[in-house]
Amino acid sequence: MAIYRIAIGSPREASNPAAIRAAFAEFFSMIIFVFAGQGSGMAYNKLTKNGGATPDGLIVASLSHAFGLFVAVSVGANISGGHVNPAVTFGAFIGGNITFLRSILYWIAQLLGSVVACILLNSCTGGMETSAFALSSGVSVWNALVFEIVMTFGLVYTVYATAIDPKKGNVGIVAPLAIGCIVGANILVGGVFDGASMNPAVSFGPAVVSKTWTHHWVYWVGPFIGSAIAAILYDNIFIGDDAHEPLSNSDF
């Protein structure tokens, strides 16, 4: 079982140069992603003078997040693996592909990157609001929770299939594109219901800057559950014990 391969890691990882470089890569990749994704929404609001939600706005959100994530994953892939998402990091940890202590470094970097991006956006736009994720009218927290679970499952399943699976071969070349595309597609599905976060860090930055925490827990619990399900299923069904690549000594 994949769950038996999880590794805590060694405290010396906190000072390991490779781990620190990886954390910085996650930090900068998250700034790139959130600045593009959140910023496009703010730009759209300015153009429409904060008009109501429209199909055009949904498409803008989908494309900006897909393109932004494609780039953010690409630039971090060779350094940190290009997680750019605490839920992806959690899924990698569940499958035994990253230690718990290195995961903590990634989570801190990802959350800080999102907050910094939102602060920059707030400053650059002359104080425009960085809107926190929220549920649409008629959408319950349980509806939103299921949305986040299913959408994040699709995202992390894609990450495993294209980036983590040791048998991925040349498919790994298109991993950043595939990951960006599934996020963009999921936004087209869930964006009008709960914002389609799939990423606790993406939800965290706007919540911190706007000081809005209503239903914020949904954007953590849902993605982490979906990520864990995807990691366990993919690792056990498609990778298995024989094909799994153990963590190197440097990862402990």
Protein backbone atom coordinates (compact mmCIF):
# COMPACT_ATOMS: atom_id res chain seq x y z
CA MET A 1 0.00 0.00 0.00
CA ALA A 2 1.23 3.52 -0.78
CA ILE A 3 0.35 4.67 2.69
CA TYR A 4 3.15 2.51 4.08
CA ARG A 5 5.78 4.32 2.04
CA ILE A 6 5.37 7.70 3.68
CA ALA A 7 8.59 9.06 5.16
CA ILE A 8 9.07 11.65 7.89
CA GLY A 9 12.57 12.70 6.89
CA SER A 10 15.43 14.10 8.92
CA PRO A 11 15.56 17.48 10.70
CA ARG A 12 18.72 18.25 8.74
CA GLU A 13 16.52 18.63 5.67
CA ALA A 14 15.63 22.11 6.93
CA SER A 15 19.21 23.19 6.21
CA ASN A 16 19.78 20.99 3.17
CA PRO A 17 20.75 23.32 0.26
CA ALA A 18 18.72 21.29 -2.23
CA ALA A 19 15.62 21.43 -0.03
CA ILE A 20 16.03 25.17 0.50
CA ARG A 21 16.43 25.76 -3.24
CA ALA A 22 13.32 23.66 -3.85
CA ALA A 23 11.34 25.70 -1.32
CA PHE A 24 12.43 28.94 -3.01
CA ALA A 25 11.38 27.49 -6.36
CA GLU A 26 7.92 26.78 -4.93
CA PHE A 27 7.75 30.29 -3.48
CA PHE A 28 8.54 32.01 -6.79
CA SER A 29 6.37 29.66 -8.84
CA MET A 30 3.44 30.39 -6.55
CA ILE A 31 3.96 34.14 -6.93
CA ILE A 32 3.92 33.72 -10.72
CA PHE A 33 0.75 31.60 -10.63
CA VAL A 34 -1.29 33.64 -8.15
CA PHE A 35 -0.24 36.98 -9.63
CA ALA A 36 -1.44 35.83 -13.07
CA GLY A 37 -4.58 34.04 -11.93
CA GLN A 38 -5.82 36.45 -9.27
CA GLY A 39 -4.55 39.43 -11.21
CA SER A 40 -6.51 38.55 -14.34
CA GLY A 41 -9.69 38.49 -12.29
CA MET A 42 -8.92 41.92 -10.87
CA ALA A 43 -8.16 43.25 -14.36
CA TYR A 44 -11.45 41.86 -15.64
CA ASN A 45 -13.32 43.51 -12.77
CA LYS A 46 -11.70 46.83 -13.62
CA LEU A 47 -12.63 46.52 -17.28
CA THR A 48 -16.24 45.64 -16.45
CA LYS A 49 -16.43 48.11 -13.54
CA ASN A 50 -17.09 45.24 -11.11
CA GLY A 51 -20.02 43.99 -13.12
CA GLY A 52 -21.70 40.68 -12.37
CA ALA A 53 -20.29 37.28 -13.23
CA THR A 54 -20.43 36.46 -16.93
CA PRO A 55 -19.44 33.54 -19.18
CA ASP A 56 -16.63 35.74 -20.51
CA GLY A 57 -15.26 36.17 -17.00
CA LEU A 58 -15.30 32.41 -16.44
CA ILE A 59 -13.33 31.83 -19.64
CA VAL A 60 -10.82 34.51 -18.66
CA ALA A 61 -10.33 32.86 -15.27
CA SER A 62 -9.92 29.44 -16.86
CA LEU A 63 -7.34 30.57 -19.42
CA SER A 64 -5.31 32.75 -17.07
CA HIS A 65 -5.03 30.00 -14.47
CA ALA A 66 -4.23 27.36 -17.09
CA PHE A 67 -1.51 29.48 -18.71
CA GLY A 68 -0.14 30.70 -15.38
CA LEU A 69 0.07 27.20 -13.92
CA PHE A 70 1.65 25.84 -17.10
CA VAL A 71 4.48 28.34 -16.70
CA ALA A 72 4.73 28.03 -12.91
CA VAL A 73 5.04 24.24 -13.06
CA SER A 74 7.50 24.39 -15.95
CA VAL A 75 9.92 26.77 -14.25
CA GLY A 76 9.92 24.81 -11.00
CA ALA A 77 9.84 21.27 -12.36
CA ASN A 78 13.59 20.65 -12.44
CA ILE A 79 14.17 22.16 -8.99
CA SER A 80 11.22 21.29 -6.76
CA GLY A 81 9.07 19.12 -9.00
CA GLY A 82 6.82 22.10 -9.71
CA HIS A 83 4.11 21.28 -7.18
CA VAL A 84 2.78 24.86 -6.85
CA ASN A 85 0.00 23.50 -4.65
CA PRO A 86 -0.06 22.19 -1.05
CA ALA A 87 -2.55 19.51 -2.13
CA VAL A 88 -0.16 18.23 -4.81
CA THR A 89 2.63 18.16 -2.23
CA PHE A 90 0.35 16.23 0.13
CA GLY A 91 -0.46 13.72 -2.60
CA ALA A 92 3.24 13.26 -3.35
CA PHE A 93 3.85 12.70 0.37
CA ILE A 94 1.07 10.12 0.64
CA GLY A 95 2.62 8.21 -2.25
CA GLY A 96 6.07 8.25 -0.67
CA ASN A 97 7.55 10.66 -3.20
CA ILE A 98 8.53 13.40 -0.75
CA THR A 99 9.24 13.40 2.97
CA PHE A 100 6.96 15.05 5.50
CA LEU A 101 9.61 17.56 6.58
CA ARG A 102 10.31 18.65 3.02
CA SER A 103 6.54 18.89 2.52
CA ILE A 104 6.40 21.37 5.39
CA LEU A 105 9.07 23.50 3.69
CA TYR A 106 7.04 23.41 0.48
CA TRP A 107 3.79 24.32 2.27
CA ILE A 108 5.36 27.31 3.99
CA ALA A 109 6.90 28.52 0.73
CA GLN A 110 3.65 28.04 -1.20
CA LEU A 111 1.53 29.90 1.36
CA LEU A 112 4.01 32.76 1.60
CA GLY A 113 4.21 33.00 -2.17
CA SER A 114 0.43 33.34 -2.45
CA VAL A 115 0.29 36.02 0.25
CA VAL A 116 3.15 37.98 -1.34
CA ALA A 117 1.47 37.82 -4.76
CA CYS A 118 -1.80 39.16 -3.33
CA ILE A 119 -0.01 41.95 -1.45
CA LEU A 120 1.76 42.93 -4.68
CA LEU A 121 -1.53 42.92 -6.57
CA ASN A 122 -3.22 45.02 -3.91
CA SER A 123 -0.35 47.51 -4.05
CA CYS A 124 0.01 47.59 -7.85
CA THR A 125 -3.70 48.17 -8.44
CA GLY A 126 -3.99 51.04 -5.99
CA GLY A 127 -5.81 49.05 -3.33
CA MET A 128 -8.19 46.93 -5.39
CA GLU A 129 -9.67 44.04 -3.45
CA THR A 130 -8.10 40.61 -3.80
CA SER A 131 -11.37 38.73 -3.50
CA ALA A 132 -11.37 35.61 -1.35
CA PHE A 133 -12.91 32.40 -2.65
CA ALA A 134 -16.60 32.13 -1.79
CA LEU A 135 -19.60 29.91 -2.41
CA SER A 136 -22.18 31.05 -4.93
CA SER A 137 -25.79 31.52 -3.97
CA GLY A 138 -27.55 28.19 -3.49
CA VAL A 139 -24.30 26.24 -3.08
CA SER A 140 -23.93 24.56 0.31
CA VAL A 141 -20.59 23.86 1.98
CA TRP A 142 -21.12 20.17 1.27
CA ASN A 143 -21.72 20.86 -2.41
CA ALA A 144 -18.49 22.88 -2.48
CA LEU A 145 -16.60 20.22 -0.54
CA VAL A 146 -17.53 17.54 -3.08
CA PHE A 147 -16.60 19.88 -5.93
CA GLU A 148 -13.17 20.48 -4.42
CA ILE A 149 -12.61 16.78 -3.73
CA VAL A 150 -13.51 15.71 -7.28
CA MET A 151 -11.66 18.53 -9.03
CA THR A 152 -8.51 18.06 -6.97
CA PHE A 153 -8.69 14.32 -7.53
CA GLY A 154 -8.55 15.00 -11.27
CA LEU A 155 -5.65 17.38 -10.83
CA VAL A 156 -3.50 15.11 -8.65
CA TYR A 157 -4.35 12.06 -10.78
CA THR A 158 -3.02 14.02 -13.74
CA VAL A 159 0.13 14.96 -11.79
CA TYR A 160 0.75 11.31 -10.95
CA ALA A 161 0.14 10.10 -14.50
CA THR A 162 2.30 12.70 -16.24
CA ALA A 163 4.93 13.72 -13.70
CA ILE A 164 5.34 11.18 -10.87
CA ASP A 165 4.78 7.77 -12.45
CA PRO A 166 8.23 6.25 -13.13
CA LYS A 167 6.81 4.69 -16.32
CA LYS A 168 5.65 8.04 -17.72
CA GLY A 169 8.36 8.12 -20.41
CA ASN A 170 7.99 10.94 -22.92
CA VAL A 171 4.60 11.86 -21.44
CA GLY A 172 6.55 13.77 -18.79
CA ILE A 173 7.41 16.38 -21.39
CA VAL A 174 3.78 17.52 -21.55
CA ALA A 175 3.18 17.31 -17.78
CA PRO A 176 3.07 21.10 -17.18
CA LEU A 177 0.67 21.56 -20.09
CA ALA A 178 -1.58 18.71 -18.95
CA ILE A 179 -1.62 20.03 -15.39
CA GLY A 180 -2.49 23.53 -16.54
CA CYS A 181 -5.21 22.19 -18.83
CA ILE A 182 -6.97 20.13 -16.14
CA VAL A 183 -7.03 23.15 -13.83
CA GLY A 184 -8.43 25.35 -16.59
CA ALA A 185 -11.05 22.73 -17.47
CA ASN A 186 -12.08 22.31 -13.84
CA ILE A 187 -12.51 26.07 -13.47
CA LEU A 188 -14.98 25.96 -16.35
CA VAL A 189 -16.90 23.35 -14.36
CA GLY A 190 -16.68 24.54 -10.78
CA GLY A 191 -15.81 28.21 -11.08
CA VAL A 192 -19.40 29.43 -10.94
CA PHE A 193 -20.17 27.27 -7.91
CA ASP A 194 -17.29 27.73 -5.48
CA GLY A 195 -14.49 29.39 -7.44
CA ALA A 196 -12.79 26.07 -8.24
CA SER A 197 -9.72 26.48 -6.05
CA MET A 198 -8.17 22.97 -5.98
CA ASN A 199 -5.29 24.69 -4.21
CA PRO A 200 -5.27 25.73 -0.53
CA ALA A 201 -2.48 28.26 -1.12
CA VAL A 202 -4.41 29.98 -3.91
CA SER A 203 -7.31 30.40 -1.47
CA PHE A 204 -5.07 31.37 1.44
CA GLY A 205 -3.41 34.47 -0.03
CA PRO A 206 -6.61 36.33 -0.93
CA ALA A 207 -8.16 35.33 2.41
CA VAL A 208 -5.21 36.81 4.33
CA VAL A 209 -5.13 40.07 2.40
CA SER A 210 -8.91 40.55 2.34
CA LYS A 211 -9.33 39.19 5.90
CA THR A 212 -12.19 37.00 4.71
CA TRP A 213 -12.34 33.49 6.14
CA THR A 214 -15.94 32.43 5.51
CA HIS A 215 -16.02 28.71 4.58
CA HIS A 216 -12.25 28.84 4.12
CA TRP A 217 -11.87 25.34 5.57
CA VAL A 218 -13.62 23.90 2.50
CA TYR A 219 -10.67 24.97 0.36
CA TRP A 220 -8.28 22.97 2.54
CA VAL A 221 -10.25 19.87 3.45
CA GLY A 222 -11.64 19.22 -0.03
CA PRO A 223 -8.33 19.44 -1.91
CA PHE A 224 -6.47 17.37 0.67
CA ILE A 225 -9.10 14.60 0.58
CA GLY A 226 -9.17 14.58 -3.23
CA SER A 227 -5.38 14.56 -3.37
CA ALA A 228 -5.06 11.65 -0.94
CA ILE A 229 -7.62 9.57 -2.84
CA ALA A 230 -5.87 10.18 -6.16
CA ALA A 231 -2.43 9.41 -4.73
CA ILE A 232 -3.47 6.18 -3.03
CA LEU A 233 -5.47 4.87 -6.00
CA TYR A 234 -2.92 5.75 -8.67
CA ASP A 235 0.06 4.53 -6.67
CA ASN A 236 -1.53 1.19 -5.79
CA ILE A 237 -3.26 0.45 -9.09
CA PHE A 238 -0.82 1.77 -11.67
CA ILE A 239 2.58 2.06 -10.01
CA GLY A 240 2.61 -0.74 -7.45
CA ASP A 241 5.43 -1.97 -5.25
CA ASP A 242 7.58 -3.33 -8.08
CA ALA A 243 7.67 -0.10 -10.08
CA HIS A 244 7.93 2.36 -7.19
CA GLU A 245 11.12 4.36 -6.96
CA PRO A 246 12.15 4.72 -3.30
CA LEU A 247 13.28 8.04 -1.91
CA SER A 248 17.03 8.53 -2.07
CA ASN A 249 19.07 8.89 1.08
CA SER A 250 19.33 12.62 0.49
CA ASP A 251 15.57 12.94 0.92
CA PHE A 252 15.63 11.68 4.52
